[in-house]
Amino acid sequence: MLGLIGWLVAVIGMIWLVVTAIQTGKDTADKAIWGLVNFFCQPLGGIVFYFVKKQGLVPLLMVIAGWILVVVGGGMSFSMGNLPQ
């Protein structure tokens, strides 16, 4: 359950960070690059974005906290019960 909550927090933070990156870009290319970096390279892309643009600390912390909760919660591993081998 903790892993699911962490995954939801990380996804919400990632979406928020992508929106922030698109809103703070100067031109279309800058918006597209930062949006794609933040979408595909979380949490490293968010960390780089924060230090370069000085924007998006709260969503970045949400992404990091979400990943921590996923790891603490068992890594989102699901069991199918006793399957025959």
PDB file of N, CA and C in Angstrom:
ATOM      1  N   MET A   1       0.830  -1.198   0.000  1.00  0.00           N
ATOM      2  CA  MET A   1       0.000   0.000   0.000  1.00  0.00           C
ATOM      3  C   MET A   1       0.871   1.258   0.000  1.00  0.00           C
ATOM      4  N   LEU A   2       1.952   1.195   0.763  1.00  0.00           N
ATOM      5  CA  LEU A   2       2.858   2.349   0.835  1.00  0.00           C
ATOM      6  C   LEU A   2       3.511   2.601  -0.521  1.00  0.00           C
ATOM      7  N   GLY A   3       3.816   1.523  -1.233  1.00  0.00           N
ATOM      8  CA  GLY A   3       4.395   1.660  -2.567  1.00  0.00           C
ATOM      9  C   GLY A   3       3.441   2.320  -3.541  1.00  0.00           C
ATOM     10  N   LEU A   4       2.159   1.989  -3.452  1.00  0.00           N
ATOM     11  CA  LEU A   4       1.154   2.592  -4.331  1.00  0.00           C
ATOM     12  C   LEU A   4       1.008   4.086  -4.044  1.00  0.00           C
ATOM     13  N   ILE A   5       0.985   4.452  -2.783  1.00  0.00           N
ATOM     14  CA  ILE A   5       0.909   5.871  -2.407  1.00  0.00           C
ATOM     15  C   ILE A   5       2.140   6.614  -2.910  1.00  0.00           C
ATOM     16  N   GLY A   6       3.310   6.001  -2.753  1.00  0.00           N
ATOM     17  CA  GLY A   6       4.543   6.614  -3.240  1.00  0.00           C
ATOM     18  C   GLY A   6       4.531   6.798  -4.740  1.00  0.00           C
ATOM     19  N   TRP A   7       4.008   5.793  -5.467  1.00  0.00           N
ATOM     20  CA  TRP A   7       3.927   5.896  -6.913  1.00  0.00           C
ATOM     21  C   TRP A   7       3.000   7.041  -7.321  1.00  0.00           C
ATOM     22  N   LEU A   8       1.871   7.179  -6.643  1.00  0.00           N
ATOM     23  CA  LEU A   8       0.939   8.274  -6.955  1.00  0.00           C
ATOM     24  C   LEU A   8       1.559   9.635  -6.673  1.00  0.00           C
ATOM     25  N   VAL A   9       2.260   9.753  -5.550  1.00  0.00           N
ATOM     26  CA  VAL A   9       2.927  11.022  -5.206  1.00  0.00           C
ATOM     27  C   VAL A   9       3.986  11.351  -6.247  1.00  0.00           C
ATOM     28  N   ALA A  10       4.757  10.350  -6.682  1.00  0.00           N
ATOM     29  CA  ALA A  10       5.801  10.572  -7.685  1.00  0.00           C
ATOM     30  C   ALA A  10       5.203  10.991  -9.030  1.00  0.00           C
ATOM     31  N   VAL A  11       4.105  10.377  -9.440  1.00  0.00           N
ATOM     32  CA  VAL A  11       3.478  10.728 -10.716  1.00  0.00           C
ATOM     33  C   VAL A  11       2.889  12.135 -10.670  1.00  0.00           C
ATOM     34  N   ILE A  12       2.238  12.480  -9.572  1.00  0.00           N
ATOM     35  CA  ILE A  12       1.693  13.839  -9.438  1.00  0.00           C
ATOM     36  C   ILE A  12       2.819  14.863  -9.453  1.00  0.00           C
ATOM     37  N   GLY A  13       3.898  14.593  -8.737  1.00  0.00           N
ATOM     38  CA  GLY A  13       5.045  15.494  -8.735  1.00  0.00           C
ATOM     39  C   GLY A  13       5.680  15.611 -10.111  1.00  0.00           C
ATOM     40  N   MET A  14       5.758  14.491 -10.845  1.00  0.00           N
ATOM     41  CA  MET A  14       6.342  14.523 -12.176  1.00  0.00           C
ATOM     42  C   MET A  14       5.498  15.370 -13.127  1.00  0.00           C
ATOM     43  N   ILE A  15       4.182  15.188 -13.085  1.00  0.00           N
ATOM     44  CA  ILE A  15       3.302  15.988 -13.939  1.00  0.00           C
ATOM     45  C   ILE A  15       3.414  17.468 -13.591  1.00  0.00           C
ATOM     46  N   TRP A  16       3.445  17.768 -12.306  1.00  0.00           N
ATOM     47  CA  TRP A  16       3.574  19.151 -11.857  1.00  0.00           C
ATOM     48  C   TRP A  16       4.908  19.740 -12.323  1.00  0.00           C
ATOM     49  N   LEU A  17       5.972  18.952 -12.267  1.00  0.00           N
ATOM     50  CA  LEU A  17       7.289  19.417 -12.689  1.00  0.00           C
ATOM     51  C   LEU A  17       7.343  19.644 -14.199  1.00  0.00           C
ATOM     52  N   VAL A  18       6.697  18.785 -14.971  1.00  0.00           N
ATOM     53  CA  VAL A  18       6.645  18.979 -16.422  1.00  0.00           C
ATOM     54  C   VAL A  18       5.877  20.255 -16.757  1.00  0.00           C
ATOM     55  N   VAL A  19       4.761  20.489 -16.089  1.00  0.00           N
ATOM     56  CA  VAL A  19       3.980  21.713 -16.321  1.00  0.00           C
ATOM     57  C   VAL A  19       4.789  22.939 -15.940  1.00  0.00           C
ATOM     58  N   THR A  20       5.505  22.879 -14.827  1.00  0.00           N
ATOM     59  CA  THR A  20       6.355  23.996 -14.409  1.00  0.00           C
ATOM     60  C   THR A  20       7.449  24.254 -15.429  1.00  0.00           C
ATOM     61  N   ALA A  21       8.050  23.191 -15.948  1.00  0.00           N
ATOM     62  CA  ALA A  21       9.103  23.349 -16.947  1.00  0.00           C
ATOM     63  C   ALA A  21       8.563  23.993 -18.216  1.00  0.00           C
ATOM     64  N   ILE A  22       7.367  23.599 -18.635  1.00  0.00           N
ATOM     65  CA  ILE A  22       6.782  24.176 -19.837  1.00  0.00           C
ATOM     66  C   ILE A  22       6.409  25.642 -19.610  1.00  0.00           C
ATOM     67  N   GLN A  23       5.935  25.970 -18.436  1.00  0.00           N
ATOM     68  CA  GLN A  23       5.536  27.352 -18.154  1.00  0.00           C
ATOM     69  C   GLN A  23       6.722  28.293 -18.018  1.00  0.00           C
ATOM     70  N   THR A  24       7.871  27.803 -17.578  1.00  0.00           N
ATOM     71  CA  THR A  24       9.013  28.690 -17.340  1.00  0.00           C
ATOM     72  C   THR A  24       9.958  28.796 -18.523  1.00  0.00           C
ATOM     73  N   GLY A  25       9.703  28.062 -19.583  1.00  0.00           N
ATOM     74  CA  GLY A  25      10.575  28.129 -20.758  1.00  0.00           C
ATOM     75  C   GLY A  25      10.455  29.454 -21.478  1.00  0.00           C
ATOM     76  N   LYS A  26      11.576  29.889 -22.092  1.00  0.00           N
ATOM     77  CA  LYS A  26      11.584  31.157 -22.815  1.00  0.00           C
ATOM     78  C   LYS A  26      10.914  31.041 -24.189  1.00  0.00           C
ATOM     79  N   ASP A  27      11.287  30.007 -24.920  1.00  0.00           N
ATOM     80  CA  ASP A  27      10.711  29.807 -26.241  1.00  0.00           C
ATOM     81  C   ASP A  27      10.225  28.364 -26.361  1.00  0.00           C
ATOM     82  N   THR A  28       9.695  28.035 -27.514  1.00  0.00           N
ATOM     83  CA  THR A  28       9.092  26.713 -27.703  1.00  0.00           C
ATOM     84  C   THR A  28      10.123  25.594 -27.556  1.00  0.00           C
ATOM     85  N   ALA A  29      11.317  25.797 -28.081  1.00  0.00           N
ATOM     86  CA  ALA A  29      12.352  24.758 -27.989  1.00  0.00           C
ATOM     87  C   ALA A  29      12.767  24.533 -26.535  1.00  0.00           C
ATOM     88  N   ASP A  30      12.923  25.609 -25.784  1.00  0.00           N
ATOM     89  CA  ASP A  30      13.294  25.506 -24.371  1.00  0.00           C
ATOM     90  C   ASP A  30      12.205  24.782 -23.578  1.00  0.00           C
ATOM     91  N   LYS A  31      10.961  25.118 -23.856  1.00  0.00           N
ATOM     92  CA  LYS A  31       9.838  24.457 -23.185  1.00  0.00           C
ATOM     93  C   LYS A  31       9.798  22.970 -23.505  1.00  0.00           C
ATOM     94  N   ALA A  32       9.990  22.630 -24.786  1.00  0.00           N
ATOM     95  CA  ALA A  32       9.935  21.225 -25.202  1.00  0.00           C
ATOM     96  C   ALA A  32      11.076  20.422 -24.601  1.00  0.00           C
ATOM     97  N   ILE A  33      12.278  20.968 -24.621  1.00  0.00           N
ATOM     98  CA  ILE A  33      13.436  20.246 -24.083  1.00  0.00           C
ATOM     99  C   ILE A  33      13.272  19.986 -22.604  1.00  0.00           C
ATOM    100  N   TRP A  34      12.944  21.026 -21.829  1.00  0.00           N
ATOM    101  CA  TRP A  34      12.808  20.835 -20.380  1.00  0.00           C
ATOM    102  C   TRP A  34      11.619  19.953 -20.039  1.00  0.00           C
ATOM    103  N   GLY A  35      10.545  20.070 -20.807  1.00  0.00           N
ATOM    104  CA  GLY A  35       9.396  19.198 -20.564  1.00  0.00           C
ATOM    105  C   GLY A  35       9.732  17.741 -20.797  1.00  0.00           C
ATOM    106  N   LEU A  36      10.434  17.443 -21.893  1.00  0.00           N
ATOM    107  CA  LEU A  36      10.823  16.061 -22.184  1.00  0.00           C
ATOM    108  C   LEU A  36      11.856  15.532 -21.192  1.00  0.00           C
ATOM    109  N   VAL A  37      12.810  16.360 -20.821  1.00  0.00           N
ATOM    110  CA  VAL A  37      13.812  15.935 -19.826  1.00  0.00           C
ATOM    111  C   VAL A  37      13.127  15.601 -18.508  1.00  0.00           C
ATOM    112  N   ASN A  38      12.197  16.435 -18.095  1.00  0.00           N
ATOM    113  CA  ASN A  38      11.509  16.177 -16.828  1.00  0.00           C
ATOM    114  C   ASN A  38      10.555  14.997 -16.912  1.00  0.00           C
ATOM    115  N   PHE A  39      10.054  14.703 -18.088  1.00  0.00           N
ATOM    116  CA  PHE A  39       9.158  13.559 -18.223  1.00  0.00           C
ATOM    117  C   PHE A  39       9.918  12.234 -18.242  1.00  0.00           C
ATOM    118  N   PHE A  40      11.008  12.174 -18.989  1.00  0.00           N
ATOM    119  CA  PHE A  40      11.706  10.907 -19.183  1.00  0.00           C
ATOM    120  C   PHE A  40      12.847  10.645 -18.203  1.00  0.00           C
ATOM    121  N   CYS A  41      13.357  11.639 -17.540  1.00  0.00           N
ATOM    122  CA  CYS A  41      14.568  11.466 -16.718  1.00  0.00           C
ATOM    123  C   CYS A  41      14.347  11.824 -15.256  1.00  0.00           C
ATOM    124  N   GLN A  42      13.270  11.343 -14.675  1.00  0.00           N
ATOM    125  CA  GLN A  42      13.011  11.640 -13.267  1.00  0.00           C
ATOM    126  C   GLN A  42      13.776  10.686 -12.376  1.00  0.00           C
ATOM    127  N   PRO A  43      14.261  11.076 -11.221  1.00  0.00           N
ATOM    128  CA  PRO A  43      14.278  12.418 -10.645  1.00  0.00           C
ATOM    129  C   PRO A  43      15.495  13.250 -11.049  1.00  0.00           C
ATOM    130  N   LEU A  44      16.438  12.656 -11.783  1.00  0.00           N
ATOM    131  CA  LEU A  44      17.658  13.379 -12.150  1.00  0.00           C
ATOM    132  C   LEU A  44      17.357  14.606 -13.004  1.00  0.00           C
ATOM    133  N   GLY A  45      16.446  14.490 -13.952  1.00  0.00           N
ATOM    134  CA  GLY A  45      16.078  15.631 -14.784  1.00  0.00           C
ATOM    135  C   GLY A  45      15.472  16.762 -13.975  1.00  0.00           C
ATOM    136  N   GLY A  46      14.694  16.419 -12.962  1.00  0.00           N
ATOM    137  CA  GLY A  46      14.118  17.437 -12.082  1.00  0.00           C
ATOM    138  C   GLY A  46      15.167  18.145 -11.247  1.00  0.00           C
ATOM    139  N   ILE A  47      16.162  17.398 -10.804  1.00  0.00           N
ATOM    140  CA  ILE A  47      17.246  18.000 -10.013  1.00  0.00           C
ATOM    141  C   ILE A  47      18.038  18.980 -10.874  1.00  0.00           C
ATOM    142  N   VAL A  48      18.376  18.568 -12.101  1.00  0.00           N
ATOM    143  CA  VAL A  48      19.103  19.460 -13.011  1.00  0.00           C
ATOM    144  C   VAL A  48      18.255  20.680 -13.339  1.00  0.00           C
ATOM    145  N   PHE A  49      16.971  20.477 -13.604  1.00  0.00           N
ATOM    146  CA  PHE A  49      16.075  21.596 -13.904  1.00  0.00           C
ATOM    147  C   PHE A  49      16.030  22.586 -12.744  1.00  0.00           C
ATOM    148  N   TYR A  50      15.957  22.077 -11.518  1.00  0.00           N
ATOM    149  CA  TYR A  50      15.884  22.983 -10.370  1.00  0.00           C
ATOM    150  C   TYR A  50      17.155  23.821 -10.245  1.00  0.00           C
ATOM    151  N   PHE A  51      18.315  23.199 -10.412  1.00  0.00           N
ATOM    152  CA  PHE A  51      19.556  23.951 -10.245  1.00  0.00           C
ATOM    153  C   PHE A  51      19.818  24.907 -11.405  1.00  0.00           C
ATOM    154  N   VAL A  52      19.331  24.602 -12.602  1.00  0.00           N
ATOM    155  CA  VAL A  52      19.539  25.495 -13.742  1.00  0.00           C
ATOM    156  C   VAL A  52      18.521  26.631 -13.730  1.00  0.00           C
ATOM    157  N   LYS A  53      17.250  26.314 -13.497  1.00  0.00           N
ATOM    158  CA  LYS A  53      16.183  27.315 -13.612  1.00  0.00           C
ATOM    159  C   LYS A  53      15.731  27.916 -12.280  1.00  0.00           C
ATOM    160  N   LYS A  54      16.118  27.303 -11.172  1.00  0.00           N
ATOM    161  CA  LYS A  54      15.685  27.756  -9.833  1.00  0.00           C
ATOM    162  C   LYS A  54      14.161  27.783  -9.704  1.00  0.00           C
ATOM    163  N   GLN A  55      13.507  26.792 -10.299  1.00  0.00           N
ATOM    164  CA  GLN A  55      12.056  26.652 -10.255  1.00  0.00           C
ATOM    165  C   GLN A  55      11.716  25.197  -9.951  1.00  0.00           C
ATOM    166  N   GLY A  56      10.577  24.957  -9.334  1.00  0.00           N
ATOM    167  CA  GLY A  56      10.062  23.607  -9.190  1.00  0.00           C
ATOM    168  C   GLY A  56      10.577  22.814  -8.012  1.00  0.00           C
ATOM    169  N   LEU A  57      10.855  23.465  -6.903  1.00  0.00           N
ATOM    170  CA  LEU A  57      11.367  22.732  -5.743  1.00  0.00           C
ATOM    171  C   LEU A  57      10.313  21.815  -5.135  1.00  0.00           C
ATOM    172  N   VAL A  58       9.090  22.291  -4.980  1.00  0.00           N
ATOM    173  CA  VAL A  58       8.042  21.489  -4.344  1.00  0.00           C
ATOM    174  C   VAL A  58       7.703  20.237  -5.169  1.00  0.00           C
ATOM    175  N   PRO A  59       7.482  20.343  -6.486  1.00  0.00           N
ATOM    176  CA  PRO A  59       7.227  19.107  -7.227  1.00  0.00           C
ATOM    177  C   PRO A  59       8.431  18.171  -7.260  1.00  0.00           C
ATOM    178  N   LEU A  60       9.644  18.720  -7.263  1.00  0.00           N
ATOM    179  CA  LEU A  60      10.837  17.876  -7.209  1.00  0.00           C
ATOM    180  C   LEU A  60      10.885  17.102  -5.903  1.00  0.00           C
ATOM    181  N   LEU A  61      10.573  17.755  -4.806  1.00  0.00           N
ATOM    182  CA  LEU A  61      10.550  17.062  -3.518  1.00  0.00           C
ATOM    183  C   LEU A  61       9.454  16.006  -3.475  1.00  0.00           C
ATOM    184  N   MET A  62       8.340  16.272  -4.159  1.00  0.00           N
ATOM    185  CA  MET A  62       7.280  15.262  -4.239  1.00  0.00           C
ATOM    186  C   MET A  62       7.750  14.028  -5.001  1.00  0.00           C
ATOM    187  N   VAL A  63       8.474  14.232  -6.099  1.00  0.00           N
ATOM    188  CA  VAL A  63       8.978  13.107  -6.879  1.00  0.00           C
ATOM    189  C   VAL A  63       9.956  12.285  -6.044  1.00  0.00           C
ATOM    190  N   ILE A  64      10.873  12.960  -5.365  1.00  0.00           N
ATOM    191  CA  ILE A  64      11.862  12.254  -4.546  1.00  0.00           C
ATOM    192  C   ILE A  64      11.180  11.512  -3.400  1.00  0.00           C
ATOM    193  N   ALA A  65      10.234  12.170  -2.728  1.00  0.00           N
ATOM    194  CA  ALA A  65       9.513  11.513  -1.631  1.00  0.00           C
ATOM    195  C   ALA A  65       8.706  10.326  -2.150  1.00  0.00           C
ATOM    196  N   GLY A  66       8.121  10.457  -3.319  1.00  0.00           N
ATOM    197  CA  GLY A  66       7.369   9.350  -3.902  1.00  0.00           C
ATOM    198  C   GLY A  66       8.258   8.155  -4.180  1.00  0.00           C
ATOM    199  N   TRP A  67       9.428   8.379  -4.744  1.00  0.00           N
ATOM    200  CA  TRP A  67      10.345   7.265  -5.018  1.00  0.00           C
ATOM    201  C   TRP A  67      10.831   6.619  -3.726  1.00  0.00           C
ATOM    202  N   ILE A  68      11.045   7.430  -2.696  1.00  0.00           N
ATOM    203  CA  ILE A  68      11.444   6.863  -1.399  1.00  0.00           C
ATOM    204  C   ILE A  68      10.334   5.979  -0.846  1.00  0.00           C
ATOM    205  N   LEU A  69       9.095   6.443  -0.950  1.00  0.00           N
ATOM    206  CA  LEU A  69       7.968   5.633  -0.471  1.00  0.00           C
ATOM    207  C   LEU A  69       7.808   4.346  -1.281  1.00  0.00           C
ATOM    208  N   VAL A  70       8.069   4.409  -2.573  1.00  0.00           N
ATOM    209  CA  VAL A  70       7.992   3.200  -3.400  1.00  0.00           C
ATOM    210  C   VAL A  70       9.023   2.182  -2.939  1.00  0.00           C
ATOM    211  N   VAL A  71      10.243   2.639  -2.689  1.00  0.00           N
ATOM    212  CA  VAL A  71      11.299   1.725  -2.254  1.00  0.00           C
ATOM    213  C   VAL A  71      10.996   1.168  -0.867  1.00  0.00           C
ATOM    214  N   VAL A  72      10.578   2.018   0.060  1.00  0.00           N
ATOM    215  CA  VAL A  72      10.258   1.558   1.418  1.00  0.00           C
ATOM    216  C   VAL A  72       9.059   0.625   1.402  1.00  0.00           C
ATOM    217  N   GLY A  73       8.106   0.877   0.521  1.00  0.00           N
ATOM    218  CA  GLY A  73       6.901   0.066   0.450  1.00  0.00           C
ATOM    219  C   GLY A  73       7.066  -1.251  -0.269  1.00  0.00           C
ATOM    220  N   GLY A  74       8.243  -1.589  -0.674  1.00  0.00           N
ATOM    221  CA  GLY A  74       8.473  -2.894  -1.280  1.00  0.00           C
ATOM    222  C   GLY A  74       8.688  -2.865  -2.774  1.00  0.00           C
ATOM    223  N   GLY A  75       8.840  -1.701  -3.353  1.00  0.00           N
ATOM    224  CA  GLY A  75       9.150  -1.621  -4.765  1.00  0.00           C
ATOM    225  C   GLY A  75       8.017  -1.990  -5.693  1.00  0.00           C
ATOM    226  N   MET A  76       6.788  -1.895  -5.237  1.00  0.00           N
ATOM    227  CA  MET A  76       5.608  -2.190  -6.053  1.00  0.00           C
ATOM    228  C   MET A  76       5.639  -3.625  -6.578  1.00  0.00           C
ATOM    229  N   SER A  77       6.050  -4.547  -5.754  1.00  0.00           N
ATOM    230  CA  SER A  77       6.048  -5.949  -6.186  1.00  0.00           C
ATOM    231  C   SER A  77       4.674  -6.555  -5.913  1.00  0.00           C
ATOM    232  N   PHE A  78       4.156  -7.259  -6.882  1.00  0.00           N
ATOM    233  CA  PHE A  78       2.852  -7.890  -6.757  1.00  0.00           C
ATOM    234  C   PHE A  78       3.032  -9.389  -6.745  1.00  0.00           C
ATOM    235  N   SER A  79       2.203 -10.061  -5.991  1.00  0.00           N
ATOM    236  CA  SER A  79       2.266 -11.516  -5.916  1.00  0.00           C
ATOM    237  C   SER A  79       0.993 -12.090  -6.506  1.00  0.00           C
ATOM    238  N   MET A  80       1.137 -13.146  -7.288  1.00  0.00           N
ATOM    239  CA  MET A  80      -0.008 -13.807  -7.898  1.00  0.00           C
ATOM    240  C   MET A  80      -0.453 -15.008  -7.083  1.00  0.00           C
ATOM    241  N   GLY A  81       0.018 -15.124  -5.873  1.00  0.00           N
ATOM    242  CA  GLY A  81      -0.355 -16.261  -5.043  1.00  0.00           C
ATOM    243  C   GLY A  81       0.542 -17.455  -5.321  1.00  0.00           C
ATOM    244  N   ASN A  82       0.014 -18.623  -5.145  1.00  0.00           N
ATOM    245  CA  ASN A  82       0.769 -19.849  -5.373  1.00  0.00           C
ATOM    246  C   ASN A  82       0.514 -20.364  -6.773  1.00  0.00           C
ATOM    247  N   LEU A  83       1.328 -19.914  -7.707  1.00  0.00           N
ATOM    248  CA  LEU A  83       1.192 -20.389  -9.075  1.00  0.00           C
ATOM    249  C   LEU A  83       1.940 -21.699  -9.245  1.00  0.00           C
ATOM    250  N   PRO A  84       1.402 -22.623 -10.017  1.00  0.00           N
ATOM    251  CA  PRO A  84       2.134 -23.874 -10.270  1.00  0.00           C
ATOM    252  C   PRO A  84       3.371 -23.603 -11.115  1.00  0.00           C
ATOM    253  N   GLN A  85       4.412 -24.327 -10.795  1.00  0.00           N
ATOM    254  CA  GLN A  85       5.673 -24.106 -11.528  1.00  0.00           C
ATOM    255  C   GLN A  85       5.953 -25.199 -12.487  1.00  0.00           C
TER     256      GLN A  85
END
